[in-house]
């Protein structure tokens, strides 16, 4: 499955050192074949997105590290 690394808008704060990327779960799930991953730690933020699937937000905070990631324009609704 191909993956796209998201652009980090704001890096993780120093208070997120206790984050555990291994236990983080995607914020969005699709029915396609492309994963969108955090540009800081590599955790999947949007899993299995298809060409006609979109997210309703411009950015998302990674549940693994706390970095704010920006979704590419083609993925935004």
PDB file of N, CA and C in Angstrom:
ATOM      1  N   UNK A   1       0.852  -1.172   0.000  1.00  0.00           N
ATOM      2  CA  UNK A   1       0.000   0.000   0.000  1.00  0.00           C
ATOM      3  C   UNK A   1       0.898   1.237   0.000  1.00  0.00           C
ATOM      4  N   UNK A   2       0.702   2.135  -0.954  1.00  0.00           N
ATOM      5  CA  UNK A   2       1.533   3.351  -0.972  1.00  0.00           C
ATOM      6  C   UNK A   2       1.188   4.269   0.202  1.00  0.00           C
ATOM      7  N   UNK A   3       2.169   5.060   0.588  1.00  0.00           N
ATOM      8  CA  UNK A   3       1.918   6.019   1.660  1.00  0.00           C
ATOM      9  C   UNK A   3       2.449   7.396   1.256  1.00  0.00           C
ATOM     10  N   UNK A   4       1.777   8.419   1.764  1.00  0.00           N
ATOM     11  CA  UNK A   4       2.129   9.807   1.502  1.00  0.00           C
ATOM     12  C   UNK A   4       2.497  10.436   2.842  1.00  0.00           C
ATOM     13  N   UNK A   5       3.674  11.028   2.909  1.00  0.00           N
ATOM     14  CA  UNK A   5       4.121  11.689   4.135  1.00  0.00           C
ATOM     15  C   UNK A   5       3.529  13.095   4.154  1.00  0.00           C
ATOM     16  N   UNK A   6       2.827  13.414   5.233  1.00  0.00           N
ATOM     17  CA  UNK A   6       2.188  14.715   5.363  1.00  0.00           C
ATOM     18  C   UNK A   6       3.180  15.790   5.782  1.00  0.00           C
ATOM     19  N   UNK A   7       2.871  17.023   5.413  1.00  0.00           N
ATOM     20  CA  UNK A   7       3.697  18.170   5.783  1.00  0.00           C
ATOM     21  C   UNK A   7       3.387  18.554   7.234  1.00  0.00           C
ATOM     22  N   UNK A   8       4.431  18.707   8.036  1.00  0.00           N
ATOM     23  CA  UNK A   8       4.258  19.098   9.433  1.00  0.00           C
ATOM     24  C   UNK A   8       4.126  20.619   9.508  1.00  0.00           C
ATOM     25  N   UNK A   9       3.017  21.077  10.057  1.00  0.00           N
ATOM     26  CA  UNK A   9       2.802  22.518  10.246  1.00  0.00           C
ATOM     27  C   UNK A   9       3.374  22.983  11.576  1.00  0.00           C
ATOM     28  N   UNK A  10       3.251  22.126  12.595  1.00  0.00           N
ATOM     29  CA  UNK A  10       3.765  22.445  13.922  1.00  0.00           C
ATOM     30  C   UNK A  10       4.358  21.170  14.495  1.00  0.00           C
ATOM     31  N   UNK A  11       5.639  21.209  14.858  1.00  0.00           N
ATOM     32  CA  UNK A  11       6.264  20.002  15.401  1.00  0.00           C
ATOM     33  C   UNK A  11       5.682  19.638  16.761  1.00  0.00           C
ATOM     34  N   UNK A  12       5.940  18.431  17.227  1.00  0.00           N
ATOM     35  CA  UNK A  12       5.440  18.031  18.546  1.00  0.00           C
ATOM     36  C   UNK A  12       5.988  18.960  19.624  1.00  0.00           C
ATOM     37  N   UNK A  13       5.169  19.216  20.623  1.00  0.00           N
ATOM     38  CA  UNK A  13       5.651  20.025  21.742  1.00  0.00           C
ATOM     39  C   UNK A  13       6.547  19.162  22.626  1.00  0.00           C
ATOM     40  N   UNK A  14       7.339  19.801  23.435  1.00  0.00           N
ATOM     41  CA  UNK A  14       8.269  19.057  24.292  1.00  0.00           C
ATOM     42  C   UNK A  14       7.534  18.226  25.329  1.00  0.00           C
ATOM     43  N   UNK A  15       6.261  18.522  25.567  1.00  0.00           N
ATOM     44  CA  UNK A  15       5.474  17.776  26.554  1.00  0.00           C
ATOM     45  C   UNK A  15       4.944  16.458  26.040  1.00  0.00           C
ATOM     46  N   UNK A  16       5.206  16.092  24.799  1.00  0.00           N
ATOM     47  CA  UNK A  16       4.672  14.846  24.241  1.00  0.00           C
ATOM     48  C   UNK A  16       5.719  13.740  24.188  1.00  0.00           C
ATOM     49  N   UNK A  17       6.761  13.852  24.983  1.00  0.00           N
ATOM     50  CA  UNK A  17       7.809  12.834  24.979  1.00  0.00           C
ATOM     51  C   UNK A  17       7.298  11.465  25.400  1.00  0.00           C
ATOM     52  N   UNK A  18       6.179  11.433  26.150  1.00  0.00           N
ATOM     53  CA  UNK A  18       5.644  10.166  26.633  1.00  0.00           C
ATOM     54  C   UNK A  18       4.726   9.489  25.624  1.00  0.00           C
ATOM     55  N   UNK A  19       4.534  10.099  24.464  1.00  0.00           N
ATOM     56  CA  UNK A  19       3.653   9.523  23.449  1.00  0.00           C
ATOM     57  C   UNK A  19       4.208   8.189  22.977  1.00  0.00           C
ATOM     58  N   UNK A  20       3.306   7.296  22.636  1.00  0.00           N
ATOM     59  CA  UNK A  20       3.708   5.974  22.177  1.00  0.00           C
ATOM     60  C   UNK A  20       3.168   5.736  20.777  1.00  0.00           C
ATOM     61  N   UNK A  21       3.950   6.075  19.741  1.00  0.00           N
ATOM     62  CA  UNK A  21       3.486   5.905  18.372  1.00  0.00           C
ATOM     63  C   UNK A  21       3.022   4.492  18.052  1.00  0.00           C
ATOM     64  N   UNK A  22       3.557   3.481  18.702  1.00  0.00           N
ATOM     65  CA  UNK A  22       3.163   2.109  18.434  1.00  0.00           C
ATOM     66  C   UNK A  22       1.712   1.814  18.770  1.00  0.00           C
ATOM     67  N   UNK A  23       1.121   2.578  19.681  1.00  0.00           N
ATOM     68  CA  UNK A  23      -0.264   2.336  20.071  1.00  0.00           C
ATOM     69  C   UNK A  23      -1.236   3.330  19.436  1.00  0.00           C
ATOM     70  N   UNK A  24      -0.739   4.253  18.626  1.00  0.00           N
ATOM     71  CA  UNK A  24      -1.593   5.255  17.982  1.00  0.00           C
ATOM     72  C   UNK A  24      -2.437   4.610  16.887  1.00  0.00           C
ATOM     73  N   UNK A  25      -3.648   5.137  16.723  1.00  0.00           N
ATOM     74  CA  UNK A  25      -4.565   4.616  15.714  1.00  0.00           C
ATOM     75  C   UNK A  25      -4.890   5.716  14.703  1.00  0.00           C
ATOM     76  N   UNK A  26      -5.251   5.337  13.463  1.00  0.00           N
ATOM     77  CA  UNK A  26      -5.604   6.337  12.452  1.00  0.00           C
ATOM     78  C   UNK A  26      -6.825   7.162  12.873  1.00  0.00           C
ATOM     79  N   UNK A  27      -6.835   8.423  12.468  1.00  0.00           N
ATOM     80  CA  UNK A  27      -7.990   9.284  12.720  1.00  0.00           C
ATOM     81  C   UNK A  27      -9.069   9.070  11.672  1.00  0.00           C
ATOM     82  N   UNK A  28      -8.664   8.668  10.465  1.00  0.00           N
ATOM     83  CA  UNK A  28      -9.590   8.444   9.356  1.00  0.00           C
ATOM     84  C   UNK A  28      -9.288   7.095   8.730  1.00  0.00           C
ATOM     85  N   UNK A  29     -10.343   6.420   8.269  1.00  0.00           N
ATOM     86  CA  UNK A  29     -10.185   5.142   7.556  1.00  0.00           C
ATOM     87  C   UNK A  29     -11.016   5.192   6.287  1.00  0.00           C
ATOM     88  N   UNK A  30     -10.380   4.797   5.199  1.00  0.00           N
ATOM     89  CA  UNK A  30     -11.074   4.763   3.917  1.00  0.00           C
ATOM     90  C   UNK A  30     -11.162   3.350   3.392  1.00  0.00           C
ATOM     91  N   UNK A  31     -11.533   3.238   2.138  1.00  0.00           N
ATOM     92  CA  UNK A  31     -11.668   1.933   1.500  1.00  0.00           C
ATOM     93  C   UNK A  31     -10.768   1.831   0.270  1.00  0.00           C
ATOM     94  N   UNK A  32      -9.733   2.666   0.242  1.00  0.00           N
ATOM     95  CA  UNK A  32      -8.818   2.674  -0.889  1.00  0.00           C
ATOM     96  C   UNK A  32      -7.480   2.071  -0.535  1.00  0.00           C
ATOM     97  N   UNK A  33      -6.448   2.556  -1.210  1.00  0.00           N
ATOM     98  CA  UNK A  33      -5.146   1.943  -1.050  1.00  0.00           C
ATOM     99  C   UNK A  33      -4.013   2.871  -0.666  1.00  0.00           C
ATOM    100  N   UNK A  34      -4.304   4.095  -0.216  1.00  0.00           N
ATOM    101  CA  UNK A  34      -3.223   5.023   0.119  1.00  0.00           C
ATOM    102  C   UNK A  34      -3.314   5.446   1.582  1.00  0.00           C
ATOM    103  N   UNK A  35      -2.192   5.329   2.281  1.00  0.00           N
ATOM    104  CA  UNK A  35      -2.097   5.790   3.666  1.00  0.00           C
ATOM    105  C   UNK A  35      -1.429   7.154   3.693  1.00  0.00           C
ATOM    106  N   UNK A  36      -1.890   8.022   4.570  1.00  0.00           N
ATOM    107  CA  UNK A  36      -1.276   9.331   4.798  1.00  0.00           C
ATOM    108  C   UNK A  36      -0.692   9.294   6.195  1.00  0.00           C
ATOM    109  N   UNK A  37       0.631   9.515   6.282  1.00  0.00           N
ATOM    110  CA  UNK A  37       1.339   9.326   7.546  1.00  0.00           C
ATOM    111  C   UNK A  37       1.909  10.630   8.088  1.00  0.00           C
ATOM    112  N   UNK A  38       2.088  10.675   9.397  1.00  0.00           N
ATOM    113  CA  UNK A  38       2.651  11.835  10.075  1.00  0.00           C
ATOM    114  C   UNK A  38       4.047  12.129   9.545  1.00  0.00           C
ATOM    115  N   UNK A  39       4.290  13.388   9.246  1.00  0.00           N
ATOM    116  CA  UNK A  39       5.594  13.797   8.751  1.00  0.00           C
ATOM    117  C   UNK A  39       6.660  13.838   9.818  1.00  0.00           C
ATOM    118  N   UNK A  40       6.272  13.655  11.075  1.00  0.00           N
ATOM    119  CA  UNK A  40       7.234  13.679  12.169  1.00  0.00           C
ATOM    120  C   UNK A  40       7.610  12.275  12.645  1.00  0.00           C
ATOM    121  N   UNK A  41       6.588  11.436  12.899  1.00  0.00           N
ATOM    122  CA  UNK A  41       6.894  10.116  13.482  1.00  0.00           C
ATOM    123  C   UNK A  41       6.491   8.934  12.600  1.00  0.00           C
ATOM    124  N   UNK A  42       5.734   9.179  11.523  1.00  0.00           N
ATOM    125  CA  UNK A  42       5.369   8.103  10.608  1.00  0.00           C
ATOM    126  C   UNK A  42       4.106   7.340  10.958  1.00  0.00           C
ATOM    127  N   UNK A  43       3.392   7.737  12.000  1.00  0.00           N
ATOM    128  CA  UNK A  43       2.137   7.077  12.358  1.00  0.00           C
ATOM    129  C   UNK A  43       1.101   7.353  11.263  1.00  0.00           C
ATOM    130  N   UNK A  44       0.284   6.357  10.934  1.00  0.00           N
ATOM    131  CA  UNK A  44      -0.764   6.519   9.930  1.00  0.00           C
ATOM    132  C   UNK A  44      -1.880   7.389  10.514  1.00  0.00           C
ATOM    133  N   UNK A  45      -2.189   8.495   9.820  1.00  0.00           N
ATOM    134  CA  UNK A  45      -3.253   9.397  10.255  1.00  0.00           C
ATOM    135  C   UNK A  45      -4.527   9.131   9.457  1.00  0.00           C
ATOM    136  N   UNK A  46      -4.408   8.893   8.167  1.00  0.00           N
ATOM    137  CA  UNK A  46      -5.551   8.545   7.317  1.00  0.00           C
ATOM    138  C   UNK A  46      -5.196   7.249   6.592  1.00  0.00           C
ATOM    139  N   UNK A  47      -5.904   6.191   6.913  1.00  0.00           N
ATOM    140  CA  UNK A  47      -5.569   4.849   6.420  1.00  0.00           C
ATOM    141  C   UNK A  47      -6.469   4.437   5.262  1.00  0.00           C
ATOM    142  N   UNK A  48      -5.857   3.902   4.212  1.00  0.00           N
ATOM    143  CA  UNK A  48      -6.593   3.312   3.113  1.00  0.00           C
ATOM    144  C   UNK A  48      -7.516   4.270   2.378  1.00  0.00           C
ATOM    145  N   UNK A  49      -7.044   5.455   2.098  1.00  0.00           N
ATOM    146  CA  UNK A  49      -7.882   6.442   1.412  1.00  0.00           C
ATOM    147  C   UNK A  49      -7.898   6.163  -0.084  1.00  0.00           C
ATOM    148  N   UNK A  50      -9.072   6.279  -0.673  1.00  0.00           N
ATOM    149  CA  UNK A  50      -9.249   6.066  -2.098  1.00  0.00           C
ATOM    150  C   UNK A  50      -9.256   7.382  -2.855  1.00  0.00           C
ATOM    151  N   UNK A  51      -9.211   7.344  -4.180  1.00  0.00           N
ATOM    152  CA  UNK A  51      -9.134   8.563  -4.985  1.00  0.00           C
ATOM    153  C   UNK A  51     -10.349   9.476  -4.853  1.00  0.00           C
ATOM    154  N   UNK A  52     -11.493   8.937  -4.482  1.00  0.00           N
ATOM    155  CA  UNK A  52     -12.697   9.757  -4.336  1.00  0.00           C
ATOM    156  C   UNK A  52     -13.064  10.008  -2.879  1.00  0.00           C
ATOM    157  N   UNK A  53     -12.162   9.682  -1.958  1.00  0.00           N
ATOM    158  CA  UNK A  53     -12.431   9.892  -0.539  1.00  0.00           C
ATOM    159  C   UNK A  53     -11.672  11.119  -0.058  1.00  0.00           C
ATOM    160  N   UNK A  54     -12.283  11.840   0.864  1.00  0.00           N
ATOM    161  CA  UNK A  54     -11.709  13.081   1.359  1.00  0.00           C
ATOM    162  C   UNK A  54     -11.845  13.169   2.874  1.00  0.00           C
ATOM    163  N   UNK A  55     -11.058  14.064   3.465  1.00  0.00           N
ATOM    164  CA  UNK A  55     -11.200  14.392   4.884  1.00  0.00           C
ATOM    165  C   UNK A  55     -11.853  15.767   4.968  1.00  0.00           C
ATOM    166  N   UNK A  56     -12.489  16.065   6.082  1.00  0.00           N
ATOM    167  CA  UNK A  56     -13.231  17.323   6.203  1.00  0.00           C
ATOM    168  C   UNK A  56     -12.440  18.409   6.927  1.00  0.00           C
ATOM    169  N   UNK A  57     -11.171  18.149   7.187  1.00  0.00           N
ATOM    170  CA  UNK A  57     -10.330  19.111   7.894  1.00  0.00           C
ATOM    171  C   UNK A  57      -9.072  19.400   7.078  1.00  0.00           C
ATOM    172  N   UNK A  58      -8.439  20.538   7.352  1.00  0.00           N
ATOM    173  CA  UNK A  58      -7.189  20.894   6.672  1.00  0.00           C
ATOM    174  C   UNK A  58      -5.978  20.286   7.363  1.00  0.00           C
ATOM    175  N   UNK A  59      -6.067  20.170   8.692  1.00  0.00           N
ATOM    176  CA  UNK A  59      -4.956  19.658   9.481  1.00  0.00           C
ATOM    177  C   UNK A  59      -5.460  18.658  10.513  1.00  0.00           C
ATOM    178  N   UNK A  60      -4.522  17.875  11.042  1.00  0.00           N
ATOM    179  CA  UNK A  60      -4.842  16.929  12.111  1.00  0.00           C
ATOM    180  C   UNK A  60      -3.622  16.800  13.015  1.00  0.00           C
ATOM    181  N   UNK A  61      -3.880  16.623  14.298  1.00  0.00           N
ATOM    182  CA  UNK A  61      -2.804  16.413  15.264  1.00  0.00           C
ATOM    183  C   UNK A  61      -2.570  14.912  15.384  1.00  0.00           C
ATOM    184  N   UNK A  62      -1.339  14.511  15.218  1.00  0.00           N
ATOM    185  CA  UNK A  62      -0.961  13.099  15.287  1.00  0.00           C
ATOM    186  C   UNK A  62      -1.201  12.555  16.692  1.00  0.00           C
ATOM    187  N   UNK A  63      -1.870  11.410  16.776  1.00  0.00           N
ATOM    188  CA  UNK A  63      -2.125  10.798  18.078  1.00  0.00           C
ATOM    189  C   UNK A  63      -0.881  10.118  18.640  1.00  0.00           C
ATOM    190  N   UNK A  64       0.141   9.956  17.811  1.00  0.00           N
ATOM    191  CA  UNK A  64       1.368   9.321  18.267  1.00  0.00           C
ATOM    192  C   UNK A  64       2.370  10.278  18.872  1.00  0.00           C
ATOM    193  N   UNK A  65       2.545  11.459  18.236  1.00  0.00           N
ATOM    194  CA  UNK A  65       3.587  12.370  18.704  1.00  0.00           C
ATOM    195  C   UNK A  65       3.097  13.782  19.020  1.00  0.00           C
ATOM    196  N   UNK A  66       1.896  14.140  18.542  1.00  0.00           N
ATOM    197  CA  UNK A  66       1.359  15.461  18.817  1.00  0.00           C
ATOM    198  C   UNK A  66       1.684  16.517  17.777  1.00  0.00           C
ATOM    199  N   UNK A  67       2.358  16.140  16.692  1.00  0.00           N
ATOM    200  CA  UNK A  67       2.669  17.103  15.629  1.00  0.00           C
ATOM    201  C   UNK A  67       1.401  17.431  14.850  1.00  0.00           C
ATOM    202  N   UNK A  68       1.284  18.674  14.417  1.00  0.00           N
ATOM    203  CA  UNK A  68       0.162  19.077  13.573  1.00  0.00           C
ATOM    204  C   UNK A  68       0.562  18.863  12.120  1.00  0.00           C
ATOM    205  N   UNK A  69      -0.216  18.062  11.403  1.00  0.00           N
ATOM    206  CA  UNK A  69       0.069  17.712  10.011  1.00  0.00           C
ATOM    207  C   UNK A  69      -0.977  18.335   9.097  1.00  0.00           C
ATOM    208  N   UNK A  70      -0.538  18.746   7.904  1.00  0.00           N
ATOM    209  CA  UNK A  70      -1.423  19.352   6.922  1.00  0.00           C
ATOM    210  C   UNK A  70      -1.742  18.343   5.826  1.00  0.00           C
ATOM    211  N   UNK A  71      -3.031  18.167   5.557  1.00  0.00           N
ATOM    212  CA  UNK A  71      -3.430  17.293   4.470  1.00  0.00           C
ATOM    213  C   UNK A  71      -3.250  17.991   3.140  1.00  0.00           C
ATOM    214  N   UNK A  72      -2.865  17.273   2.092  1.00  0.00           N
ATOM    215  CA  UNK A  72      -2.720  17.895   0.766  1.00  0.00           C
ATOM    216  C   UNK A  72      -4.091  18.345   0.244  1.00  0.00           C
ATOM    217  N   UNK A  73      -4.120  19.381  -0.581  1.00  0.00           N
ATOM    218  CA  UNK A  73      -5.398  19.912  -1.084  1.00  0.00           C
ATOM    219  C   UNK A  73      -6.289  18.857  -1.752  1.00  0.00           C
ATOM    220  N   UNK A  74      -5.699  17.913  -2.463  1.00  0.00           N
ATOM    221  CA  UNK A  74      -6.517  16.904  -3.159  1.00  0.00           C
ATOM    222  C   UNK A  74      -7.222  15.937  -2.217  1.00  0.00           C
ATOM    223  N   UNK A  75      -6.836  15.903  -0.945  1.00  0.00           N
ATOM    224  CA  UNK A  75      -7.482  15.013   0.014  1.00  0.00           C
ATOM    225  C   UNK A  75      -8.571  15.740   0.803  1.00  0.00           C
ATOM    226  N   UNK A  76      -8.562  17.058   0.755  1.00  0.00           N
ATOM    227  CA  UNK A  76      -9.542  17.856   1.514  1.00  0.00           C
ATOM    228  C   UNK A  76     -10.874  17.935   0.766  1.00  0.00           C
ATOM    229  N   UNK A  77     -11.948  17.915   1.529  1.00  0.00           N
ATOM    230  CA  UNK A  77     -13.301  18.008   0.937  1.00  0.00           C
ATOM    231  C   UNK A  77     -13.624  19.435   0.560  1.00  0.00           C
TER     232      UNK A  77
END
